[in-house]
Structure formats: C-alpha cells, structure tokens
Amino acid sequence: MIDIDLRNISDEDGLLLTKKILTAMPETKIVILTGHDLPVYRMEAKKIGAKGFVNKNIEPSDLVSILIKINNGDIYFPYDDILLEELTDSEKKVLQKLCSGYKRKDIANMLYISERTVSNHIQCIFNKLKVNSAIEAITKGIQLGYVKPRWNKFRILL
C-alpha cells in the first residue's frame, strides 16, 4: 500500500513511485491508500497498473476484505464512472494557467503557442468537462483533481 502524498519522506508522490515499482517489478500488487480521493488520481493509478484505490476513511474490516480480493486477482477502483473524458497534458497546462488567473494572451506566451491554439484547448476543456465557462472549468478541474488551486495567486479587491 502506498499513499499519494509522500512529501514528508520523498520528493516523489505515490503515483510516480508506483509507476517506478511496477516498471521494475510488474507482478507487484500495489494499492493506493489515500485521503486524496480524486477521480484524476484514481484514473492515473489504474492507468499505471495499481490494483486498487482506497480512501483512508474506509472501515478496517472493509479494507481487509478489499485487500484479500486484490490478492486473489481482483481490482478495486470505486466510482470509475465519475470521470469524464481525460484532458491532454496541454489542456491540463492551459487549465492550470486559467486557474492561476492568466489571460489567453499570457497563456499563449508562457506555453509558446498561439492564442488560437489556447482558445482551441479551452474549447476542448469545456467540451470534455461539460462546462460553459472558465469559472466552471476551473471549479470542475479542482473537484476532479486536474488542477491544484494556488490561492495565494488571487487577490481579493475590496
């Protein structure tokens, strides 16, 4: 079992460590046990080959039951149907920049792409997240785990 948040003991997160372990020893059965129960993390854990994704708030008896099933060959990824179509790496970068308060022109300059390409990425983000505005995209992106808000970047104007 590995937690996603390993900042107190490692420079790598649990997902990256899981990927490295499974690359070296693909037969290893790894379960992510975490308080960061976000759809994007579940999807990434499944994609890299983890056998389960469990919220830390689980009852101990349920955890034991899940681990026994995984040991017997099952996988455990609850709520697989919550995640919408996956964003590309470029779309994730654009969404993070939007969340940080940057305008399209600034995003284009920062990512060395045209404003038109930024607009295309934003439209794809809206379609994939099924939203109609940047605020909705940012909110849903945070809820799904695509972006981490940087609250210190925002200023409250009174």
Protein backbone atom coordinates (compact mmCIF):
# COMPACT_ATOMS: atom_id res chain seq x y z
CA MET A 1 0.00 0.00 0.00
CA ILE A 2 1.22 3.46 -0.94
CA ASP A 3 -0.14 6.91 -0.18
CA ILE A 4 -0.18 9.56 -2.89
CA ASP A 5 1.15 12.23 -0.53
CA LEU A 6 4.72 11.30 0.39
CA ARG A 7 6.11 14.85 0.77
CA ASN A 8 7.40 14.17 4.31
CA ILE A 9 9.51 11.22 3.20
CA SER A 10 10.15 11.56 -0.54
CA ASP A 11 10.47 14.03 -3.40
CA GLU A 12 8.20 11.74 -5.44
CA ASP A 13 4.48 11.24 -5.00
CA GLY A 14 2.97 7.79 -4.53
CA LEU A 15 1.76 7.57 -8.11
CA LEU A 16 5.22 8.17 -9.55
CA LEU A 17 6.71 5.71 -7.07
CA THR A 18 4.06 3.14 -8.01
CA LYS A 19 4.92 3.56 -11.67
CA LYS A 20 8.63 3.05 -10.96
CA ILE A 21 7.98 -0.05 -8.85
CA LEU A 22 5.68 -1.58 -11.45
CA THR A 23 8.16 -0.86 -14.23
CA ALA A 24 10.84 -2.75 -12.31
CA MET A 25 8.54 -5.45 -10.87
CA PRO A 26 5.31 -5.66 -12.91
CA GLU A 27 3.90 -8.56 -10.89
CA THR A 28 3.73 -6.42 -7.72
CA LYS A 29 0.21 -5.74 -6.45
CA ILE A 30 0.06 -2.11 -5.31
CA VAL A 31 -2.93 -0.47 -3.68
CA ILE A 32 -3.13 3.31 -3.32
CA LEU A 33 -4.49 4.16 0.15
CA THR A 34 -5.05 7.89 0.29
CA GLY A 35 -7.03 10.83 1.56
CA HIS A 36 -6.68 12.44 -1.88
CA ASP A 37 -9.66 10.61 -3.34
CA LEU A 38 -9.97 12.47 -6.64
CA PRO A 39 -11.13 11.00 -9.97
CA VAL A 40 -7.94 12.03 -11.77
CA TYR A 41 -5.78 10.24 -9.19
CA ARG A 42 -7.95 7.10 -9.42
CA MET A 43 -7.67 7.16 -13.19
CA GLU A 44 -3.90 7.65 -13.09
CA ALA A 45 -3.47 4.85 -10.53
CA LYS A 46 -5.46 2.49 -12.73
CA LYS A 47 -3.59 3.55 -15.87
CA ILE A 48 -0.16 2.88 -14.34
CA GLY A 49 -1.19 -0.56 -13.11
CA ALA A 50 -2.13 -0.24 -9.45
CA LYS A 51 -4.59 -2.92 -8.38
CA GLY A 52 -6.71 -0.70 -6.15
CA PHE A 53 -7.51 2.80 -4.98
CA VAL A 54 -8.88 3.12 -1.47
CA ASN A 55 -9.92 6.14 0.58
CA LYS A 56 -8.28 6.32 4.02
CA ASN A 57 -11.69 6.78 5.63
CA ILE A 58 -12.56 3.14 4.96
CA GLU A 59 -13.52 0.80 7.78
CA PRO A 60 -10.64 -1.55 8.68
CA SER A 61 -12.76 -4.65 8.04
CA ASP A 62 -13.68 -3.34 4.56
CA LEU A 63 -10.02 -2.63 3.83
CA VAL A 64 -9.04 -6.18 4.80
CA SER A 65 -11.81 -7.55 2.58
CA ILE A 66 -10.65 -5.43 -0.39
CA LEU A 67 -7.01 -6.46 0.12
CA ILE A 68 -7.97 -10.14 0.21
CA LYS A 69 -9.91 -9.75 -3.05
CA ILE A 70 -6.99 -7.93 -4.68
CA ASN A 71 -4.60 -10.63 -3.50
CA ASN A 72 -6.91 -13.16 -5.17
CA GLY A 73 -6.75 -11.32 -8.51
CA ASP A 74 -9.50 -8.66 -8.33
CA ILE A 75 -9.03 -4.94 -8.75
CA TYR A 76 -10.76 -2.19 -6.76
CA PHE A 77 -11.47 1.25 -8.25
CA PRO A 78 -14.70 2.71 -6.88
CA TYR A 79 -16.58 5.43 -8.72
CA ASP A 80 -14.95 4.76 -12.11
CA ASP A 81 -17.94 6.33 -13.86
CA ILE A 82 -17.45 9.81 -12.33
CA LEU A 83 -14.57 10.90 -14.55
CA LEU A 84 -15.34 12.47 -17.87
CA GLU A 85 -13.11 12.29 -20.94
CA GLU A 86 -9.45 12.71 -19.95
CA LEU A 87 -7.71 16.02 -20.61
CA THR A 88 -4.47 16.03 -22.59
CA ASP A 89 -1.26 17.31 -20.99
CA SER A 90 -1.58 20.55 -22.97
CA GLU A 91 -5.17 21.02 -21.83
CA LYS A 92 -4.13 20.43 -18.23
CA LYS A 93 -1.44 23.11 -18.54
CA VAL A 94 -3.90 25.60 -20.01
CA LEU A 95 -6.46 24.83 -17.30
CA GLN A 96 -3.83 25.30 -14.58
CA LYS A 97 -2.86 28.67 -16.08
CA LEU A 98 -6.54 29.69 -16.17
CA CYS A 99 -6.84 28.68 -12.53
CA SER A 100 -3.83 30.86 -11.73
CA GLY A 101 -5.64 33.85 -13.22
CA TYR A 102 -3.78 34.25 -16.53
CA LYS A 103 -5.45 35.58 -19.69
CA ARG A 104 -5.35 33.77 -23.04
CA LYS A 105 -2.60 36.02 -24.41
CA ASP A 106 -0.43 35.40 -21.33
CA ILE A 107 -1.03 31.64 -21.53
CA ALA A 108 -0.05 31.64 -25.21
CA ASN A 109 3.20 33.44 -24.42
CA MET A 110 4.01 31.20 -21.44
CA LEU A 111 3.37 27.96 -23.36
CA TYR A 112 4.86 29.18 -26.66
CA ILE A 113 1.65 28.57 -28.59
CA SER A 114 -0.73 30.85 -30.47
CA GLU A 115 -3.77 32.47 -28.85
CA ARG A 116 -5.88 30.48 -31.31
CA THR A 117 -4.37 27.24 -30.00
CA VAL A 118 -5.11 28.38 -26.44
CA SER A 119 -8.71 29.06 -27.48
CA ASN A 120 -8.94 25.61 -29.09
CA HIS A 121 -7.61 23.98 -25.90
CA ILE A 122 -10.11 25.93 -23.80
CA GLN A 123 -12.99 24.82 -26.04
CA CYS A 124 -11.83 21.18 -25.77
CA ILE A 125 -11.63 21.57 -21.98
CA PHE A 126 -15.19 22.95 -21.90
CA ASN A 127 -16.44 20.05 -24.04
CA LYS A 128 -14.65 17.34 -22.06
CA LEU A 129 -15.65 18.72 -18.66
CA LYS A 130 -19.16 19.56 -19.91
CA VAL A 131 -19.00 23.19 -18.77
CA ASN A 132 -19.75 26.55 -20.39
CA SER A 133 -17.32 28.98 -18.78
CA ALA A 134 -13.78 29.32 -17.49
CA ILE A 135 -15.07 29.58 -13.91
CA GLU A 136 -16.99 26.32 -14.30
CA ALA A 137 -13.95 24.67 -15.90
CA ILE A 138 -11.69 25.81 -13.06
CA THR A 139 -14.18 24.66 -10.42
CA LYS A 140 -14.67 21.26 -12.05
CA GLY A 141 -10.93 20.94 -12.70
CA ILE A 142 -10.27 21.44 -8.99
CA GLN A 143 -13.03 18.99 -8.00
CA LEU A 144 -11.68 16.32 -10.34
CA GLY A 145 -8.06 16.89 -9.32
CA TYR A 146 -6.77 18.21 -12.64
CA VAL A 147 -5.56 21.44 -11.08
CA LYS A 148 -4.38 22.49 -7.68
CA PRO A 149 -5.62 25.95 -6.77
CA ARG A 150 -2.95 28.46 -5.86
CA TRP A 151 -4.98 30.69 -3.60
CA ASN A 152 -2.02 32.96 -2.89
CA LYS A 153 -2.09 33.99 -6.57
CA PHE A 154 -5.55 35.53 -6.22
CA ARG A 155 -6.10 38.96 -4.75
CA ILE A 156 -9.30 40.00 -3.13
CA LEU A 157 -10.19 43.52 -4.12
CA LEU A 158 -12.36 45.43 -1.69
